[in-house]
Amino acid sequence: MKFQVMAVALLALVILACGGNKIEEAEESGLLNVVTTVSPITSIVENIGGARILVRGIVPEGANSHTFDPPPSTARVLADADLFIANGLFLEEPAIDMFNANHGDGARAVLLGELAIAPEEWQFDFSFPAANGQPNPHLWPDPILALKYAEIVRDALTTSDPDGTAYYGANYEEFRLRIEALDAAIKTTVATVPEGQRRLLTYHDSWAYFARRYGFEVLGAVQPADFTEPSPRDMANLIVQVRDLGVPAIFGSEVFPSPVMEQIAAESGAIFIDQLADDDLPGEPGDADHSYLGLMTKNMVTMVSALGGDASALGAVDSSLVFDGRSPAEALSGQ
């Protein structure tokens, strides 16, 4: 575990060490300098901002966004940002505090989760109990809420860069069409899963808003609110629940290996699938599916297939970025 934490910290330092060149690039080109946090949000911002912005995510992929503490070098990246776009809802508190302490004149923060839903819509669950007052912050696995994020991003970029209004609007409209296609494909695939098998036991509580939209029951999460391992009693209860309900598969993440999940699967008769991802995009930067849409498409193929459904409808979803390939100069000139 110490090695993993050190590796993440070093990765963050490598990423941010390159930040100076990108800051100079933004200043020289006139691009809007946008800093984000987790990779799904970075991807949504990249889709809408396209060639008119320089976007950098400060939370490395594979890091635990709940416990990620940005290194001191992040302060300069945040100080030079024109716009800081984060999830909010208590997810990235150290990064938000660092922005508030270091941002330049005229820079502003946009907390997407707090603008996308009202407090009465907050979801509380096993890892995010109501008693703590901090809701489940993972809105983006619900594609319609991700579309709301994109709408807020479009408006924020337009406010900061009015000359790009038409450009940001066109990118948003294309992204909306792809989200609607994804939403339709998810509904089609979910309908093929036997109703009694639309149950989720995951390592981390990331699926509350998704489950509400698509009719899944979240049985619980193996990772408790304090991000430790569950107690023996909790494990025993989960094993009995999974076995009695005949849940065919339980889900973890390859980013956070969990021997506990493997034990629950072995003792309950379920299959353990370690390929769901909360915020680690598939592939590598530059790959067609290295995007928010690619993340959700891959997750749904994994989930539906393991639960006994037919995921073929997801094959028609275009998961590539909507960015149209124009150069920054072309975009800035409105061509």
Protein backbone atom coordinates (compact mmCIF):
# COMPACT_ATOMS: atom_id res chain seq x y z
CA MET A 1 0.00 0.00 0.00
CA LYS A 2 2.84 2.42 0.80
CA PHE A 3 4.34 1.64 -2.60
CA GLN A 4 1.04 2.38 -4.34
CA VAL A 5 0.67 5.74 -2.59
CA MET A 6 4.25 6.67 -3.43
CA ALA A 7 3.74 5.65 -7.07
CA VAL A 8 0.65 7.82 -7.37
CA ALA A 9 2.46 10.77 -5.81
CA LEU A 10 5.38 10.38 -8.22
CA LEU A 11 3.00 10.15 -11.18
CA ALA A 12 1.33 13.36 -10.08
CA LEU A 13 4.70 15.09 -9.84
CA VAL A 14 5.67 13.91 -13.34
CA ILE A 15 2.39 15.20 -14.78
CA LEU A 16 2.69 18.53 -13.02
CA ALA A 17 6.35 18.92 -13.93
CA CYS A 18 5.15 19.23 -17.53
CA GLY A 19 2.64 21.86 -16.46
CA GLY A 20 5.03 24.77 -16.96
CA ASN A 21 5.26 24.16 -20.70
CA LYS A 22 1.49 23.88 -20.96
CA ILE A 23 1.00 27.10 -19.03
CA GLU A 24 3.35 28.87 -21.45
CA GLU A 25 1.50 27.25 -24.37
CA ALA A 26 -1.82 28.62 -23.11
CA GLU A 27 -0.37 32.10 -22.63
CA GLU A 28 1.24 32.17 -26.07
CA SER A 29 -1.73 30.75 -27.98
CA GLY A 30 -4.49 32.60 -26.18
CA LEU A 31 -6.19 29.37 -25.19
CA LEU A 32 -8.38 29.29 -22.11
CA ASN A 33 -6.42 27.61 -19.31
CA VAL A 34 -8.72 25.07 -17.61
CA VAL A 35 -7.76 22.81 -14.70
CA THR A 36 -9.91 19.84 -13.72
CA THR A 37 -9.77 16.99 -11.22
CA VAL A 38 -10.87 13.41 -12.03
CA SER A 39 -10.58 12.00 -15.54
CA PRO A 40 -14.31 11.67 -16.40
CA ILE A 41 -14.70 15.39 -15.72
CA THR A 42 -11.53 16.12 -17.66
CA SER A 43 -12.95 14.17 -20.60
CA ILE A 44 -16.29 16.00 -20.50
CA VAL A 45 -14.47 19.35 -20.43
CA GLU A 46 -12.23 18.27 -23.31
CA ASN A 47 -15.28 17.27 -25.35
CA ILE A 48 -16.92 20.66 -24.93
CA GLY A 49 -13.82 22.87 -24.94
CA GLY A 50 -12.05 21.17 -27.84
CA ALA A 51 -9.36 23.26 -29.51
CA ARG A 52 -10.20 26.48 -27.70
CA ILE A 53 -8.94 25.35 -24.31
CA LEU A 54 -5.92 23.83 -22.64
CA VAL A 55 -7.21 21.32 -20.09
CA ARG A 56 -5.22 19.52 -17.41
CA GLY A 57 -6.50 17.04 -14.86
CA ILE A 58 -4.64 17.12 -11.56
CA VAL A 59 -5.86 13.76 -10.18
CA PRO A 60 -3.86 10.99 -11.87
CA GLU A 61 -5.88 8.14 -13.32
CA GLY A 62 -5.87 5.21 -10.92
CA ALA A 63 -5.65 7.44 -7.86
CA ASN A 64 -8.32 7.32 -5.16
CA SER A 65 -9.99 10.70 -5.66
CA HIS A 66 -11.44 10.61 -2.13
CA THR A 67 -8.04 10.46 -0.48
CA PHE A 68 -5.88 12.18 -3.12
CA ASP A 69 -3.86 15.05 -1.66
CA PRO A 70 -2.32 17.21 -4.39
CA PRO A 71 1.44 17.77 -4.13
CA PRO A 72 2.68 21.32 -3.47
CA SER A 73 3.60 21.75 -7.15
CA THR A 74 -0.11 21.69 -7.99
CA ALA A 75 -0.42 25.14 -6.44
CA ARG A 76 1.26 26.75 -9.44
CA VAL A 77 -0.99 24.90 -11.88
CA LEU A 78 -4.05 26.14 -9.99
CA ALA A 79 -2.64 29.66 -9.66
CA ASP A 80 -2.36 29.96 -13.45
CA ALA A 81 -5.83 28.54 -14.18
CA ASP A 82 -8.49 30.72 -15.74
CA LEU A 83 -11.11 28.18 -14.72
CA PHE A 84 -11.06 25.33 -12.19
CA ILE A 85 -13.72 22.67 -12.77
CA ALA A 86 -14.25 20.05 -10.07
CA ASN A 87 -16.98 17.69 -8.95
CA GLY A 88 -17.56 19.09 -5.48
CA LEU A 89 -19.92 17.34 -3.07
CA PHE A 90 -16.94 16.83 -0.73
CA LEU A 91 -14.98 14.73 -3.26
CA GLU A 92 -11.85 16.84 -3.85
CA GLU A 93 -11.65 19.02 -0.74
CA PRO A 94 -7.82 19.35 -0.61
CA ALA A 95 -7.67 20.42 -4.27
CA ILE A 96 -10.53 22.89 -3.84
CA ASP A 97 -8.86 24.34 -0.73
CA MET A 98 -5.59 24.67 -2.67
CA PHE A 99 -7.35 26.50 -5.50
CA ASN A 100 -9.06 28.88 -3.07
CA ALA A 101 -5.71 29.68 -1.49
CA ASN A 102 -3.75 30.16 -4.72
CA HIS A 103 -5.99 31.24 -7.61
CA GLY A 104 -5.19 34.31 -9.63
CA ASP A 105 -7.34 37.39 -10.15
CA GLY A 106 -10.46 36.67 -12.16
CA ALA A 107 -10.14 32.88 -11.91
CA ARG A 108 -13.15 31.00 -10.66
CA ALA A 109 -14.15 27.52 -9.58
CA VAL A 110 -17.13 25.57 -10.92
CA LEU A 111 -18.32 22.65 -8.76
CA LEU A 112 -20.38 20.54 -11.12
CA GLY A 113 -22.09 18.20 -8.68
CA GLU A 114 -23.37 21.03 -6.56
CA LEU A 115 -24.89 22.72 -9.61
CA ALA A 116 -26.26 19.57 -11.26
CA ILE A 117 -28.58 18.41 -8.47
CA ALA A 118 -30.29 19.93 -5.46
CA PRO A 119 -29.63 18.68 -1.90
CA GLU A 120 -32.96 16.86 -1.84
CA GLU A 121 -31.66 14.71 -4.72
CA TRP A 122 -28.51 13.64 -2.91
CA GLN A 123 -28.01 9.90 -2.49
CA PHE A 124 -26.71 8.39 0.75
CA ASP A 125 -25.64 4.77 1.11
CA PHE A 126 -23.26 2.31 2.75
CA SER A 127 -20.08 4.29 2.08
CA PHE A 128 -21.74 7.70 2.30
CA PRO A 129 -24.19 7.53 5.22
CA ALA A 130 -26.66 10.34 5.79
CA ALA A 131 -25.36 10.72 9.34
CA ASN A 132 -22.10 12.12 7.95
CA GLY A 133 -23.93 14.71 5.87
CA GLN A 134 -21.76 14.05 2.82
CA PRO A 135 -23.65 12.51 -0.11
CA ASN A 136 -22.42 10.03 -2.67
CA PRO A 137 -20.56 12.33 -5.10
CA HIS A 138 -20.43 9.95 -8.09
CA LEU A 139 -23.05 11.55 -10.30
CA TRP A 140 -21.28 10.89 -13.60
CA PRO A 141 -22.09 7.13 -13.90
CA ASP A 142 -25.59 8.40 -14.68
CA PRO A 143 -25.09 9.63 -18.27
CA ILE A 144 -27.96 12.11 -18.03
CA LEU A 145 -26.28 13.75 -15.05
CA ALA A 146 -23.01 13.70 -17.03
CA LEU A 147 -24.89 15.58 -19.74
CA LYS A 148 -25.91 18.10 -17.10
CA TYR A 149 -22.22 18.43 -16.25
CA ALA A 150 -21.52 19.12 -19.93
CA GLU A 151 -24.21 21.80 -20.00
CA ILE A 152 -22.68 23.52 -16.98
CA VAL A 153 -19.22 23.25 -18.57
CA ARG A 154 -20.54 24.77 -21.82
CA ASP A 155 -21.97 27.73 -19.93
CA ALA A 156 -18.82 28.20 -17.83
CA LEU A 157 -16.56 28.16 -20.88
CA THR A 158 -18.88 30.57 -22.69
CA THR A 159 -18.78 32.99 -19.77
CA SER A 160 -14.98 32.90 -19.71
CA ASP A 161 -14.60 32.95 -23.51
CA PRO A 162 -17.65 34.59 -25.14
CA ASP A 163 -16.04 34.43 -28.59
CA GLY A 164 -16.29 30.64 -28.38
CA THR A 165 -20.04 30.56 -27.72
CA ALA A 166 -20.99 28.94 -31.03
CA TYR A 167 -18.07 26.50 -30.89
CA TYR A 168 -18.84 25.32 -27.36
CA GLY A 169 -22.52 25.08 -28.21
CA ALA A 170 -21.88 22.93 -31.28
CA ASN A 171 -19.63 20.56 -29.30
CA TYR A 172 -22.24 20.31 -26.58
CA GLU A 173 -24.97 19.42 -29.09
CA GLU A 174 -22.87 16.63 -30.57
CA PHE A 175 -22.01 15.37 -27.09
CA ARG A 176 -25.72 15.46 -26.20
CA LEU A 177 -26.56 13.24 -29.17
CA ARG A 178 -23.92 10.71 -28.12
CA ILE A 179 -25.09 10.73 -24.52
CA GLU A 180 -28.67 10.16 -25.64
CA ALA A 181 -27.49 7.25 -27.80
CA LEU A 182 -25.59 5.82 -24.83
CA ASP A 183 -28.62 6.21 -22.57
CA ALA A 184 -30.84 4.41 -25.09
CA ALA A 185 -28.30 1.61 -25.49
CA ILE A 186 -28.04 1.17 -21.72
CA LYS A 187 -31.83 0.91 -21.42
CA THR A 188 -31.88 -1.69 -24.20
CA THR A 189 -29.13 -3.77 -22.62
CA VAL A 190 -30.51 -3.52 -19.09
CA ALA A 191 -33.85 -4.85 -20.36
CA THR A 192 -32.05 -8.06 -21.36
CA VAL A 193 -30.82 -8.67 -17.80
CA PRO A 194 -33.28 -10.82 -15.81
CA GLU A 195 -35.03 -8.50 -13.39
CA GLY A 196 -33.97 -10.51 -10.35
CA GLN A 197 -30.33 -10.16 -11.39
CA ARG A 198 -30.28 -6.36 -11.62
CA ARG A 199 -28.39 -6.15 -8.34
CA LEU A 200 -24.99 -4.63 -7.69
CA LEU A 201 -22.42 -5.40 -5.06
CA THR A 202 -19.32 -3.36 -5.79
CA TYR A 203 -16.04 -2.59 -4.13
CA HIS A 204 -16.76 1.15 -4.01
CA ASP A 205 -20.12 2.91 -3.83
CA SER A 206 -20.11 4.60 -7.23
CA TRP A 207 -23.40 3.48 -8.71
CA ALA A 208 -26.19 5.05 -6.65
CA TYR A 209 -27.33 7.57 -9.28
CA PHE A 210 -26.84 5.08 -12.11
CA ALA A 211 -28.94 2.51 -10.24
CA ARG A 212 -31.74 4.98 -9.63
CA ARG A 213 -31.99 5.79 -13.34
CA TYR A 214 -31.79 2.26 -14.71
CA GLY A 215 -33.62 0.23 -12.10
CA PHE A 216 -30.78 -1.57 -10.32
CA GLU A 217 -30.67 -2.41 -6.64
CA VAL A 218 -27.38 -1.61 -4.94
CA LEU A 219 -26.83 -4.27 -2.31
CA GLY A 220 -23.89 -2.47 -0.80
CA ALA A 221 -20.20 -1.82 -1.15
CA VAL A 222 -17.27 -3.68 0.33
CA GLN A 223 -15.34 -0.48 1.03
CA PRO A 224 -16.83 1.24 4.12
CA ALA A 225 -17.14 4.99 4.64
CA ASP A 226 -13.68 5.21 6.23
CA PHE A 227 -12.11 3.39 3.23
CA THR A 228 -10.90 0.49 5.34
CA GLU A 229 -11.75 -3.17 4.77
CA PRO A 230 -15.15 -4.43 6.03
CA SER A 231 -15.49 -6.16 9.38
CA PRO A 232 -15.87 -9.97 9.53
CA ARG A 233 -19.56 -9.48 10.44
CA ASP A 234 -20.12 -7.22 7.41
CA MET A 235 -18.42 -9.78 5.18
CA ALA A 236 -20.53 -12.62 6.55
CA ASN A 237 -23.71 -10.62 5.95
CA LEU A 238 -22.69 -9.83 2.38
CA ILE A 239 -21.85 -13.46 1.64
CA VAL A 240 -25.25 -14.59 2.90
CA GLN A 241 -27.05 -11.84 0.97
CA VAL A 242 -25.30 -12.59 -2.31
CA ARG A 243 -25.84 -16.34 -1.93
CA ASP A 244 -29.50 -16.09 -0.89
CA LEU A 245 -30.36 -13.68 -3.71
CA GLY A 246 -28.52 -15.73 -6.30
CA VAL A 247 -26.47 -12.76 -7.48
CA PRO A 248 -24.44 -14.05 -10.43
CA ALA A 249 -21.54 -11.57 -10.24
CA ILE A 250 -19.99 -8.99 -7.96
CA PHE A 251 -17.78 -6.17 -9.16
CA GLY A 252 -14.48 -4.67 -8.21
CA SER A 253 -11.84 -2.59 -9.93
CA GLU A 254 -8.49 -3.66 -11.28
CA VAL A 255 -7.15 -0.33 -10.00
CA PHE A 256 -7.95 -1.33 -6.40
CA PRO A 257 -7.41 -5.11 -6.09
CA SER A 258 -9.55 -6.58 -3.33
CA PRO A 259 -8.89 -10.06 -1.90
CA VAL A 260 -12.01 -9.45 0.19
CA MET A 261 -14.16 -9.37 -2.95
CA GLU A 262 -12.56 -12.60 -4.15
CA GLN A 263 -13.38 -14.25 -0.82
CA ILE A 264 -17.00 -13.07 -0.92
CA ALA A 265 -17.35 -14.45 -4.44
CA ALA A 266 -15.76 -17.76 -3.54
CA GLU A 267 -18.00 -18.30 -0.50
CA SER A 268 -21.22 -17.06 -2.10
CA GLY A 269 -20.94 -18.77 -5.48
CA ALA A 270 -20.83 -15.51 -7.43
CA ILE A 271 -18.24 -14.61 -10.06
CA PHE A 272 -15.84 -11.80 -9.18
CA ILE A 273 -15.35 -9.29 -12.00
CA ASP A 274 -12.54 -6.79 -11.38
CA GLN A 275 -13.05 -4.59 -14.44
CA LEU A 276 -15.48 -1.82 -13.41
CA ALA A 277 -13.91 1.62 -13.23
CA ASP A 278 -15.10 4.71 -11.40
CA ASP A 279 -12.83 7.27 -13.01
CA ASP A 280 -10.01 5.40 -14.78
CA LEU A 281 -10.60 5.82 -18.53
CA PRO A 282 -9.99 2.81 -20.79
CA GLY A 283 -6.94 2.65 -23.00
CA GLU A 284 -4.32 5.37 -23.21
CA PRO A 285 -4.55 9.09 -24.03
CA GLY A 286 -5.15 9.38 -27.75
CA ASP A 287 -7.10 6.12 -28.00
CA ALA A 288 -10.62 6.48 -29.40
CA ASP A 289 -12.21 4.99 -26.28
CA HIS A 290 -10.11 7.01 -23.80
CA SER A 291 -13.11 9.16 -22.91
CA TYR A 292 -16.08 9.43 -20.60
CA LEU A 293 -18.24 7.72 -23.22
CA GLY A 294 -15.65 4.95 -23.57
CA LEU A 295 -15.58 4.51 -19.79
CA MET A 296 -19.33 4.05 -19.53
CA THR A 297 -19.58 1.84 -22.60
CA LYS A 298 -16.89 -0.50 -21.29
CA ASN A 299 -18.48 -0.55 -17.82
CA MET A 300 -21.87 -1.42 -19.24
CA VAL A 301 -20.55 -4.21 -21.46
CA THR A 302 -18.77 -5.65 -18.42
CA MET A 303 -21.74 -5.30 -16.08
CA VAL A 304 -24.54 -6.46 -18.38
CA SER A 305 -22.60 -9.43 -19.72
CA ALA A 306 -21.72 -10.65 -16.21
CA LEU A 307 -25.32 -10.34 -15.04
CA GLY A 308 -26.70 -12.47 -17.84
CA GLY A 309 -27.72 -9.83 -20.36
CA ASP A 310 -26.94 -9.02 -23.98
CA ALA A 311 -24.62 -6.03 -24.37
CA SER A 312 -24.58 -5.96 -28.18
CA ALA A 313 -26.61 -2.72 -28.41
CA LEU A 314 -23.67 -0.86 -26.88
CA GLY A 315 -21.57 -1.61 -29.95
CA ALA A 316 -23.23 1.25 -31.81
CA VAL A 317 -22.18 3.91 -29.29
CA ASP A 318 -19.54 6.33 -30.59
CA SER A 319 -17.20 6.82 -27.65
CA SER A 320 -14.64 9.07 -29.35
CA LEU A 321 -14.24 12.73 -28.49
CA VAL A 322 -16.57 15.12 -30.28
CA PHE A 323 -13.68 17.57 -30.73
CA ASP A 324 -13.63 18.20 -34.48
CA GLY A 325 -9.89 18.29 -35.04
CA ARG A 326 -9.51 21.93 -35.96
CA SER A 327 -6.25 23.55 -34.90
CA PRO A 328 -6.30 26.07 -32.03
CA ALA A 329 -5.72 28.89 -34.53
CA GLU A 330 -8.68 27.78 -36.64
CA ALA A 331 -10.89 27.47 -33.59
CA LEU A 332 -9.85 30.85 -32.21
CA SER A 333 -10.54 32.51 -35.57
CA GLY A 334 -13.99 30.91 -35.76
CA GLN A 335 -13.21 28.94 -38.93
